Amino acid sequence: MNKKIARQLRKEANYHPGQPRQYHIVNKSRKQTSPGVFKQGTIELVDSDPRALYKELKKEYKGG
């Protein structure tokens, strides 16, 4: 993918690399990774986040 296509996809997704990402916790289990440190589960990008849409558009472009 060249710069022109990437720019078009980012514009369509309303995404800019400098924007903060939005996450939510999927698996809310607590694991102790080391003494006194707990891991709060698995995080994923929120579906409404522009980066998620950009990733989907990239997959469509590369796949087709």
PDB file of N, CA and C in Angstrom:
ATOM      1  N   MET A   1       0.858  -1.166   0.000  1.00  0.00           N
ATOM      2  CA  MET A   1       0.000   0.000   0.000  1.00  0.00           C
ATOM      3  C   MET A   1       0.910   1.237   0.000  1.00  0.00           C
ATOM      4  N   ASN A   2       0.603   2.173  -0.889  1.00  0.00           N
ATOM      5  CA  ASN A   2       1.426   3.373  -0.951  1.00  0.00           C
ATOM      6  C   ASN A   2       0.835   4.487  -0.076  1.00  0.00           C
ATOM      7  N   LYS A   3       1.543   5.599  -0.005  1.00  0.00           N
ATOM      8  CA  LYS A   3       1.138   6.704   0.874  1.00  0.00           C
ATOM      9  C   LYS A   3      -0.213   7.287   0.478  1.00  0.00           C
ATOM     10  N   LYS A   4      -0.459   7.361  -0.819  1.00  0.00           N
ATOM     11  CA  LYS A   4      -1.706   7.961  -1.305  1.00  0.00           C
ATOM     12  C   LYS A   4      -2.913   7.135  -0.858  1.00  0.00           C
ATOM     13  N   ILE A   5      -2.836   5.821  -0.995  1.00  0.00           N
ATOM     14  CA  ILE A   5      -3.933   4.941  -0.581  1.00  0.00           C
ATOM     15  C   ILE A   5      -4.114   4.994   0.930  1.00  0.00           C
ATOM     16  N   ALA A   6      -3.001   4.962   1.678  1.00  0.00           N
ATOM     17  CA  ALA A   6      -3.083   5.016   3.139  1.00  0.00           C
ATOM     18  C   ALA A   6      -3.735   6.315   3.598  1.00  0.00           C
ATOM     19  N   ARG A   7      -3.388   7.407   2.946  1.00  0.00           N
ATOM     20  CA  ARG A   7      -3.970   8.709   3.290  1.00  0.00           C
ATOM     21  C   ARG A   7      -5.480   8.716   3.018  1.00  0.00           C
ATOM     22  N   GLN A   8      -5.892   8.131   1.901  1.00  0.00           N
ATOM     23  CA  GLN A   8      -7.318   8.059   1.575  1.00  0.00           C
ATOM     24  C   GLN A   8      -8.077   7.221   2.597  1.00  0.00           C
ATOM     25  N   LEU A   9      -7.494   6.094   3.006  1.00  0.00           N
ATOM     26  CA  LEU A   9      -8.155   5.230   3.988  1.00  0.00           C
ATOM     27  C   LEU A   9      -8.260   5.922   5.343  1.00  0.00           C
ATOM     28  N   ARG A  10      -7.199   6.641   5.746  1.00  0.00           N
ATOM     29  CA  ARG A  10      -7.253   7.367   7.017  1.00  0.00           C
ATOM     30  C   ARG A  10      -8.299   8.470   6.973  1.00  0.00           C
ATOM     31  N   LYS A  11      -8.405   9.135   5.843  1.00  0.00           N
ATOM     32  CA  LYS A  11      -9.401  10.200   5.706  1.00  0.00           C
ATOM     33  C   LYS A  11     -10.814   9.622   5.760  1.00  0.00           C
ATOM     34  N   GLU A  12     -11.024   8.485   5.107  1.00  0.00           N
ATOM     35  CA  GLU A  12     -12.337   7.840   5.119  1.00  0.00           C
ATOM     36  C   GLU A  12     -12.711   7.358   6.514  1.00  0.00           C
ATOM     37  N   ALA A  13     -11.725   6.884   7.263  1.00  0.00           N
ATOM     38  CA  ALA A  13     -11.984   6.384   8.617  1.00  0.00           C
ATOM     39  C   ALA A  13     -11.982   7.496   9.656  1.00  0.00           C
ATOM     40  N   ASN A  14     -11.614   8.721   9.242  1.00  0.00           N
ATOM     41  CA  ASN A  14     -11.523   9.853  10.170  1.00  0.00           C
ATOM     42  C   ASN A  14     -10.506   9.542  11.276  1.00  0.00           C
ATOM     43  N   TYR A  15      -9.360   9.019  10.859  1.00  0.00           N
ATOM     44  CA  TYR A  15      -8.328   8.569  11.797  1.00  0.00           C
ATOM     45  C   TYR A  15      -7.055   9.380  11.611  1.00  0.00           C
ATOM     46  N   HIS A  16      -6.439   9.750  12.722  1.00  0.00           N
ATOM     47  CA  HIS A  16      -5.127  10.384  12.711  1.00  0.00           C
ATOM     48  C   HIS A  16      -4.263   9.645  13.728  1.00  0.00           C
ATOM     49  N   PRO A  17      -3.029   9.286  13.370  1.00  0.00           N
ATOM     50  CA  PRO A  17      -2.185   8.514  14.287  1.00  0.00           C
ATOM     51  C   PRO A  17      -1.944   9.182  15.640  1.00  0.00           C
ATOM     52  N   GLY A  18      -2.093  10.486  15.732  1.00  0.00           N
ATOM     53  CA  GLY A  18      -1.864  11.182  16.994  1.00  0.00           C
ATOM     54  C   GLY A  18      -3.044  11.144  17.953  1.00  0.00           C
ATOM     55  N   GLN A  19      -4.194  10.666  17.491  1.00  0.00           N
ATOM     56  CA  GLN A  19      -5.373  10.602  18.355  1.00  0.00           C
ATOM     57  C   GLN A  19      -5.189   9.552  19.444  1.00  0.00           C
ATOM     58  N   PRO A  20      -5.733   9.809  20.628  1.00  0.00           N
ATOM     59  CA  PRO A  20      -5.660   8.776  21.672  1.00  0.00           C
ATOM     60  C   PRO A  20      -6.560   7.595  21.323  1.00  0.00           C
ATOM     61  N   ARG A  21      -6.139   6.424  21.702  1.00  0.00           N
ATOM     62  CA  ARG A  21      -6.910   5.211  21.425  1.00  0.00           C
ATOM     63  C   ARG A  21      -7.871   4.944  22.573  1.00  0.00           C
ATOM     64  N   GLN A  22      -8.985   4.301  22.258  1.00  0.00           N
ATOM     65  CA  GLN A  22      -9.989   3.970  23.269  1.00  0.00           C
ATOM     66  C   GLN A  22     -10.035   2.451  23.407  1.00  0.00           C
ATOM     67  N   TYR A  23      -9.903   1.973  24.634  1.00  0.00           N
ATOM     68  CA  TYR A  23      -9.903   0.542  24.906  1.00  0.00           C
ATOM     69  C   TYR A  23     -11.007   0.192  25.887  1.00  0.00           C
ATOM     70  N   HIS A  24     -11.404  -1.089  25.900  1.00  0.00           N
ATOM     71  CA  HIS A  24     -12.283  -1.597  26.938  1.00  0.00           C
ATOM     72  C   HIS A  24     -11.778  -2.980  27.350  1.00  0.00           C
ATOM     73  N   ILE A  25     -12.093  -3.367  28.571  1.00  0.00           N
ATOM     74  CA  ILE A  25     -11.616  -4.643  29.119  1.00  0.00           C
ATOM     75  C   ILE A  25     -12.574  -5.752  28.701  1.00  0.00           C
ATOM     76  N   VAL A  26     -12.034  -6.809  28.082  1.00  0.00           N
ATOM     77  CA  VAL A  26     -12.851  -7.918  27.591  1.00  0.00           C
ATOM     78  C   VAL A  26     -12.966  -9.011  28.646  1.00  0.00           C
ATOM     79  N   ASN A  27     -11.840  -9.474  29.145  1.00  0.00           N
ATOM     80  CA  ASN A  27     -11.809 -10.548  30.130  1.00  0.00           C
ATOM     81  C   ASN A  27     -11.459  -9.930  31.474  1.00  0.00           C
ATOM     82  N   LYS A  28     -12.414  -9.888  32.401  1.00  0.00           N
ATOM     83  CA  LYS A  28     -12.205  -9.162  33.652  1.00  0.00           C
ATOM     84  C   LYS A  28     -11.601 -10.018  34.766  1.00  0.00           C
ATOM     85  N   SER A  29     -10.827 -11.028  34.413  1.00  0.00           N
ATOM     86  CA  SER A  29     -10.180 -11.830  35.443  1.00  0.00           C
ATOM     87  C   SER A  29      -8.958 -11.094  35.968  1.00  0.00           C
ATOM     88  N   ARG A  30      -8.625 -11.345  37.212  1.00  0.00           N
ATOM     89  CA  ARG A  30      -7.439 -10.729  37.810  1.00  0.00           C
ATOM     90  C   ARG A  30      -6.375 -11.792  37.971  1.00  0.00           C
ATOM     91  N   LYS A  31      -5.219 -11.549  37.404  1.00  0.00           N
ATOM     92  CA  LYS A  31      -4.094 -12.471  37.527  1.00  0.00           C
ATOM     93  C   LYS A  31      -2.957 -11.748  38.225  1.00  0.00           C
ATOM     94  N   GLN A  32      -2.268 -12.480  39.089  1.00  0.00           N
ATOM     95  CA  GLN A  32      -1.120 -11.897  39.758  1.00  0.00           C
ATOM     96  C   GLN A  32       0.118 -12.250  38.947  1.00  0.00           C
ATOM     97  N   THR A  33       0.731 -11.236  38.328  1.00  0.00           N
ATOM     98  CA  THR A  33       1.902 -11.472  37.496  1.00  0.00           C
ATOM     99  C   THR A  33       3.182 -11.540  38.317  1.00  0.00           C
ATOM    100  N   SER A  34       3.256 -10.761  39.356  1.00  0.00           N
ATOM    101  CA  SER A  34       4.386 -10.801  40.284  1.00  0.00           C
ATOM    102  C   SER A  34       3.841 -10.367  41.650  1.00  0.00           C
ATOM    103  N   PRO A  35       4.597 -10.537  42.714  1.00  0.00           N
ATOM    104  CA  PRO A  35       4.073 -10.180  44.033  1.00  0.00           C
ATOM    105  C   PRO A  35       3.598  -8.726  44.100  1.00  0.00           C
ATOM    106  N   GLY A  36       2.332  -8.557  44.366  1.00  0.00           N
ATOM    107  CA  GLY A  36       1.760  -7.219  44.506  1.00  0.00           C
ATOM    108  C   GLY A  36       1.298  -6.571  43.212  1.00  0.00           C
ATOM    109  N   VAL A  37       1.520  -7.221  42.066  1.00  0.00           N
ATOM    110  CA  VAL A  37       1.111  -6.649  40.778  1.00  0.00           C
ATOM    111  C   VAL A  37       0.027  -7.523  40.170  1.00  0.00           C
ATOM    112  N   PHE A  38      -1.131  -6.927  39.873  1.00  0.00           N
ATOM    113  CA  PHE A  38      -2.249  -7.661  39.306  1.00  0.00           C
ATOM    114  C   PHE A  38      -2.546  -7.174  37.899  1.00  0.00           C
ATOM    115  N   LYS A  39      -2.840  -8.109  37.022  1.00  0.00           N
ATOM    116  CA  LYS A  39      -3.237  -7.785  35.655  1.00  0.00           C
ATOM    117  C   LYS A  39      -4.762  -7.828  35.614  1.00  0.00           C
ATOM    118  N   GLN A  40      -5.395  -6.805  35.022  1.00  0.00           N
ATOM    119  CA  GLN A  40      -6.845  -6.634  35.098  1.00  0.00           C
ATOM    120  C   GLN A  40      -7.591  -7.309  33.956  1.00  0.00           C
ATOM    121  N   GLY A  41      -6.989  -8.085  33.126  1.00  0.00           N
ATOM    122  CA  GLY A  41      -7.696  -8.755  32.042  1.00  0.00           C
ATOM    123  C   GLY A  41      -7.147  -8.347  30.694  1.00  0.00           C
ATOM    124  N   THR A  42      -7.893  -8.675  29.656  1.00  0.00           N
ATOM    125  CA  THR A  42      -7.478  -8.405  28.290  1.00  0.00           C
ATOM    126  C   THR A  42      -8.189  -7.158  27.776  1.00  0.00           C
ATOM    127  N   ILE A  43      -7.462  -6.302  27.073  1.00  0.00           N
ATOM    128  CA  ILE A  43      -8.075  -5.094  26.522  1.00  0.00           C
ATOM    129  C   ILE A  43      -8.157  -5.194  25.004  1.00  0.00           C
ATOM    130  N   GLU A  44      -9.178  -4.559  24.418  1.00  0.00           N
ATOM    131  CA  GLU A  44      -9.349  -4.478  22.979  1.00  0.00           C
ATOM    132  C   GLU A  44      -9.756  -3.067  22.612  1.00  0.00           C
ATOM    133  N   LEU A  45      -9.542  -2.715  21.356  1.00  0.00           N
ATOM    134  CA  LEU A  45      -9.989  -1.413  20.867  1.00  0.00           C
ATOM    135  C   LEU A  45     -11.516  -1.369  20.852  1.00  0.00           C
ATOM    136  N   VAL A  46     -12.073  -0.229  21.179  1.00  0.00           N
ATOM    137  CA  VAL A  46     -13.511  -0.027  21.092  1.00  0.00           C
ATOM    138  C   VAL A  46     -13.894  -0.031  19.617  1.00  0.00           C
ATOM    139  N   ASP A  47     -15.019  -0.668  19.270  1.00  0.00           N
ATOM    140  CA  ASP A  47     -15.408  -0.772  17.865  1.00  0.00           C
ATOM    141  C   ASP A  47     -15.664   0.575  17.209  1.00  0.00           C
ATOM    142  N   SER A  48     -16.071   1.563  17.978  1.00  0.00           N
ATOM    143  CA  SER A  48     -16.343   2.880  17.412  1.00  0.00           C
ATOM    144  C   SER A  48     -15.072   3.728  17.273  1.00  0.00           C
ATOM    145  N   ASP A  49     -13.928   3.199  17.684  1.00  0.00           N
ATOM    146  CA  ASP A  49     -12.666   3.920  17.568  1.00  0.00           C
ATOM    147  C   ASP A  49     -12.269   4.012  16.095  1.00  0.00           C
ATOM    148  N   PRO A  50     -11.853   5.184  15.621  1.00  0.00           N
ATOM    149  CA  PRO A  50     -11.487   5.333  14.209  1.00  0.00           C
ATOM    150  C   PRO A  50     -10.349   4.398  13.783  1.00  0.00           C
ATOM    151  N   ARG A  51      -9.462   4.040  14.700  1.00  0.00           N
ATOM    152  CA  ARG A  51      -8.369   3.135  14.352  1.00  0.00           C
ATOM    153  C   ARG A  51      -8.897   1.751  13.985  1.00  0.00           C
ATOM    154  N   ALA A  52      -9.963   1.289  14.661  1.00  0.00           N
ATOM    155  CA  ALA A  52     -10.543  -0.014  14.348  1.00  0.00           C
ATOM    156  C   ALA A  52     -11.107  -0.005  12.927  1.00  0.00           C
ATOM    157  N   LEU A  53     -11.779   1.079  12.554  1.00  0.00           N
ATOM    158  CA  LEU A  53     -12.311   1.197  11.196  1.00  0.00           C
ATOM    159  C   LEU A  53     -11.175   1.245  10.180  1.00  0.00           C
ATOM    160  N   TYR A  54     -10.111   1.954  10.491  1.00  0.00           N
ATOM    161  CA  TYR A  54      -8.958   2.030   9.597  1.00  0.00           C
ATOM    162  C   TYR A  54      -8.348   0.645   9.385  1.00  0.00           C
ATOM    163  N   LYS A  55      -8.239  -0.138  10.453  1.00  0.00           N
ATOM    164  CA  LYS A  55      -7.706  -1.500  10.332  1.00  0.00           C
ATOM    165  C   LYS A  55      -8.586  -2.357   9.422  1.00  0.00           C
ATOM    166  N   GLU A  56      -9.904  -2.231   9.558  1.00  0.00           N
ATOM    167  CA  GLU A  56     -10.830  -2.988   8.715  1.00  0.00           C
ATOM    168  C   GLU A  56     -10.692  -2.580   7.244  1.00  0.00           C
ATOM    169  N   LEU A  57     -10.579  -1.288   6.990  1.00  0.00           N
ATOM    170  CA  LEU A  57     -10.410  -0.820   5.616  1.00  0.00           C
ATOM    171  C   LEU A  57      -9.110  -1.308   5.011  1.00  0.00           C
ATOM    172  N   LYS A  58      -8.038  -1.371   5.818  1.00  0.00           N
ATOM    173  CA  LYS A  58      -6.758  -1.894   5.337  1.00  0.00           C
ATOM    174  C   LYS A  58      -6.883  -3.375   4.977  1.00  0.00           C
ATOM    175  N   LYS A  59      -7.599  -4.128   5.822  1.00  0.00           N
ATOM    176  CA  LYS A  59      -7.781  -5.560   5.537  1.00  0.00           C
ATOM    177  C   LYS A  59      -8.539  -5.748   4.229  1.00  0.00           C
ATOM    178  N   GLU A  60      -9.603  -4.952   4.021  1.00  0.00           N
ATOM    179  CA  GLU A  60     -10.370  -5.047   2.778  1.00  0.00           C
ATOM    180  C   GLU A  60      -9.507  -4.697   1.577  1.00  0.00           C
ATOM    181  N   TYR A  61      -8.695  -3.660   1.692  1.00  0.00           N
ATOM    182  CA  TYR A  61      -7.854  -3.235   0.579  1.00  0.00           C
ATOM    183  C   TYR A  61      -6.815  -4.303   0.242  1.00  0.00           C
ATOM    184  N   LYS A  62      -6.165  -4.848   1.258  1.00  0.00           N
ATOM    185  CA  LYS A  62      -5.124  -5.840   1.008  1.00  0.00           C
ATOM    186  C   LYS A  62      -5.699  -7.174   0.542  1.00  0.00           C
ATOM    187  N   GLY A  63      -6.897  -7.514   1.030  1.00  0.00           N
ATOM    188  CA  GLY A  63      -7.510  -8.781   0.661  1.00  0.00           C
ATOM    189  C   GLY A  63      -8.108  -8.767  -0.745  1.00  0.00           C
ATOM    190  N   GLY A  64      -8.523  -7.605  -1.211  1.00  0.00           N
ATOM    191  CA  GLY A  64      -9.200  -7.557  -2.508  1.00  0.00           C
ATOM    192  C   GLY A  64      -8.486  -6.793  -3.456  1.00  0.00           C
TER     193      GLY A  64
END
